[in-house]
Amino acid sequence: MKNLEEISEIITKLKSKEEVCSFLLELLTDSEVIDISKRWRILKMLSCGSTQREISSELKVSLCKVTRGAKIIKDKNAIITKYLKGV
């Protein structure tokens, strides 16, 4: 958890969207970037009303991954849910 806290602290100190993107691209592998992007897309599609099966089929991911996202979307106190409303 300490490492995650350090990473979070660094991200909050970055000055622009470009710096955040550069930081993440340097930190993560190509496949991790793809995974995070896909997870974000799952969350966005769920928040727009797509069904879990539609998302699983369109993005070629397991229903388990989509279900994990659905649990987050249902949680009204989730930070992600709050920010998705503004996207």
C-alpha atoms as a PDB file:
ATOM      1  CA  MET A   1       0.000   0.000   0.000  1.00  0.00           C
ATOM      2  CA  LYS A   2       2.930   2.331   0.688  1.00  0.00           C
ATOM      3  CA  ASN A   3       3.978   2.227  -2.967  1.00  0.00           C
ATOM      4  CA  LEU A   4       0.456   3.103  -4.102  1.00  0.00           C
ATOM      5  CA  GLU A   5       0.436   6.044  -1.712  1.00  0.00           C
ATOM      6  CA  GLU A   6       3.771   7.253  -3.121  1.00  0.00           C
ATOM      7  CA  ILE A   7       2.488   6.963  -6.692  1.00  0.00           C
ATOM      8  CA  SER A   8      -0.704   8.825  -5.744  1.00  0.00           C
ATOM      9  CA  GLU A   9       1.326  11.588  -4.158  1.00  0.00           C
ATOM     10  CA  ILE A  10       3.473  11.975  -7.285  1.00  0.00           C
ATOM     11  CA  ILE A  11       0.402  12.100  -9.531  1.00  0.00           C
ATOM     12  CA  THR A  12      -1.141  14.867  -7.421  1.00  0.00           C
ATOM     13  CA  LYS A  13       2.040  16.913  -7.892  1.00  0.00           C
ATOM     14  CA  LEU A  14       2.117  16.614 -11.680  1.00  0.00           C
ATOM     15  CA  LYS A  15       1.222  19.877 -13.362  1.00  0.00           C
ATOM     16  CA  SER A  16      -0.626  18.864 -16.515  1.00  0.00           C
ATOM     17  CA  LYS A  17      -2.572  16.114 -18.227  1.00  0.00           C
ATOM     18  CA  GLU A  18       0.472  15.572 -20.461  1.00  0.00           C
ATOM     19  CA  GLU A  19       2.721  14.995 -17.426  1.00  0.00           C
ATOM     20  CA  VAL A  20       0.241  12.500 -15.974  1.00  0.00           C
ATOM     21  CA  CYS A  21       0.085  10.627 -19.292  1.00  0.00           C
ATOM     22  CA  SER A  22       3.876  10.602 -19.607  1.00  0.00           C
ATOM     23  CA  PHE A  23       4.273   9.391 -16.030  1.00  0.00           C
ATOM     24  CA  LEU A  24       1.800   6.544 -16.579  1.00  0.00           C
ATOM     25  CA  LEU A  25       3.343   5.562 -19.907  1.00  0.00           C
ATOM     26  CA  GLU A  26       6.793   5.413 -18.288  1.00  0.00           C
ATOM     27  CA  LEU A  27       5.531   3.438 -15.297  1.00  0.00           C
ATOM     28  CA  LEU A  28       3.255   0.943 -17.045  1.00  0.00           C
ATOM     29  CA  THR A  29       3.893  -1.632 -19.739  1.00  0.00           C
ATOM     30  CA  ASP A  30       2.005  -1.410 -23.036  1.00  0.00           C
ATOM     31  CA  SER A  31      -0.258  -4.249 -21.949  1.00  0.00           C
ATOM     32  CA  GLU A  32      -1.009  -2.552 -18.601  1.00  0.00           C
ATOM     33  CA  VAL A  33      -1.970   0.645 -20.436  1.00  0.00           C
ATOM     34  CA  ILE A  34      -4.292  -1.381 -22.676  1.00  0.00           C
ATOM     35  CA  ASP A  35      -5.821  -3.099 -19.624  1.00  0.00           C
ATOM     36  CA  ILE A  36      -6.423   0.172 -17.769  1.00  0.00           C
ATOM     37  CA  SER A  37      -7.882   1.769 -20.891  1.00  0.00           C
ATOM     38  CA  LYS A  38     -10.201  -1.190 -21.359  1.00  0.00           C
ATOM     39  CA  ARG A  39     -11.316  -1.089 -17.720  1.00  0.00           C
ATOM     40  CA  TRP A  40     -12.085   2.610 -18.059  1.00  0.00           C
ATOM     41  CA  ARG A  41     -14.073   1.908 -21.237  1.00  0.00           C
ATOM     42  CA  ILE A  42     -16.026  -0.808 -19.402  1.00  0.00           C
ATOM     43  CA  LEU A  43     -16.901   1.658 -16.652  1.00  0.00           C
ATOM     44  CA  LYS A  44     -17.937   4.341 -19.137  1.00  0.00           C
ATOM     45  CA  MET A  45     -20.120   1.906 -21.088  1.00  0.00           C
ATOM     46  CA  LEU A  46     -21.780   0.674 -17.886  1.00  0.00           C
ATOM     47  CA  SER A  47     -22.471   4.235 -16.773  1.00  0.00           C
ATOM     48  CA  CYS A  48     -24.095   4.915 -20.165  1.00  0.00           C
ATOM     49  CA  GLY A  49     -26.454   1.964 -19.723  1.00  0.00           C
ATOM     50  CA  SER A  50     -24.837  -0.776 -21.822  1.00  0.00           C
ATOM     51  CA  THR A  51     -25.530  -4.272 -20.558  1.00  0.00           C
ATOM     52  CA  GLN A  52     -22.786  -6.454 -19.176  1.00  0.00           C
ATOM     53  CA  ARG A  53     -23.217  -8.948 -22.017  1.00  0.00           C
ATOM     54  CA  GLU A  54     -23.022  -6.192 -24.663  1.00  0.00           C
ATOM     55  CA  ILE A  55     -19.814  -4.884 -23.141  1.00  0.00           C
ATOM     56  CA  SER A  56     -18.288  -8.341 -22.794  1.00  0.00           C
ATOM     57  CA  SER A  57     -19.052  -9.098 -26.437  1.00  0.00           C
ATOM     58  CA  GLU A  58     -17.953  -5.733 -27.854  1.00  0.00           C
ATOM     59  CA  LEU A  59     -14.706  -5.476 -25.899  1.00  0.00           C
ATOM     60  CA  LYS A  60     -13.985  -9.207 -25.928  1.00  0.00           C
ATOM     61  CA  VAL A  61     -13.560  -9.416 -22.149  1.00  0.00           C
ATOM     62  CA  SER A  62     -14.928 -11.859 -19.608  1.00  0.00           C
ATOM     63  CA  LEU A  63     -18.192 -11.177 -17.833  1.00  0.00           C
ATOM     64  CA  CYS A  64     -16.194 -11.299 -14.568  1.00  0.00           C
ATOM     65  CA  LYS A  65     -14.273  -8.160 -15.576  1.00  0.00           C
ATOM     66  CA  VAL A  66     -17.475  -6.387 -16.506  1.00  0.00           C
ATOM     67  CA  THR A  67     -19.190  -7.500 -13.289  1.00  0.00           C
ATOM     68  CA  ARG A  68     -16.345  -6.003 -11.256  1.00  0.00           C
ATOM     69  CA  GLY A  69     -16.978  -2.689 -13.006  1.00  0.00           C
ATOM     70  CA  ALA A  70     -20.732  -2.998 -12.428  1.00  0.00           C
ATOM     71  CA  LYS A  71     -20.148  -3.304  -8.677  1.00  0.00           C
ATOM     72  CA  ILE A  72     -18.186  -0.045  -8.750  1.00  0.00           C
ATOM     73  CA  ILE A  73     -20.885   1.745 -10.766  1.00  0.00           C
ATOM     74  CA  LYS A  74     -23.581   0.617  -8.307  1.00  0.00           C
ATOM     75  CA  ASP A  75     -21.604   2.070  -5.390  1.00  0.00           C
ATOM     76  CA  LYS A  76     -22.850   5.660  -5.102  1.00  0.00           C
ATOM     77  CA  ASN A  77     -19.881   6.498  -2.853  1.00  0.00           C
ATOM     78  CA  ALA A  78     -17.257   5.282  -5.333  1.00  0.00           C
ATOM     79  CA  ILE A  79     -14.856   7.969  -6.533  1.00  0.00           C
ATOM     80  CA  ILE A  80     -15.014   6.553 -10.053  1.00  0.00           C
ATOM     81  CA  THR A  81     -18.812   6.874 -10.129  1.00  0.00           C
ATOM     82  CA  LYS A  82     -18.550  10.523  -9.124  1.00  0.00           C
ATOM     83  CA  TYR A  83     -16.060  11.302 -11.887  1.00  0.00           C
ATOM     84  CA  LEU A  84     -17.869   9.319 -14.588  1.00  0.00           C
ATOM     85  CA  LYS A  85     -20.846  11.630 -14.261  1.00  0.00           C
ATOM     86  CA  GLY A  86     -18.624  14.452 -15.512  1.00  0.00           C
ATOM     87  CA  VAL A  87     -17.200  12.494 -18.486  1.00  0.00           C
END
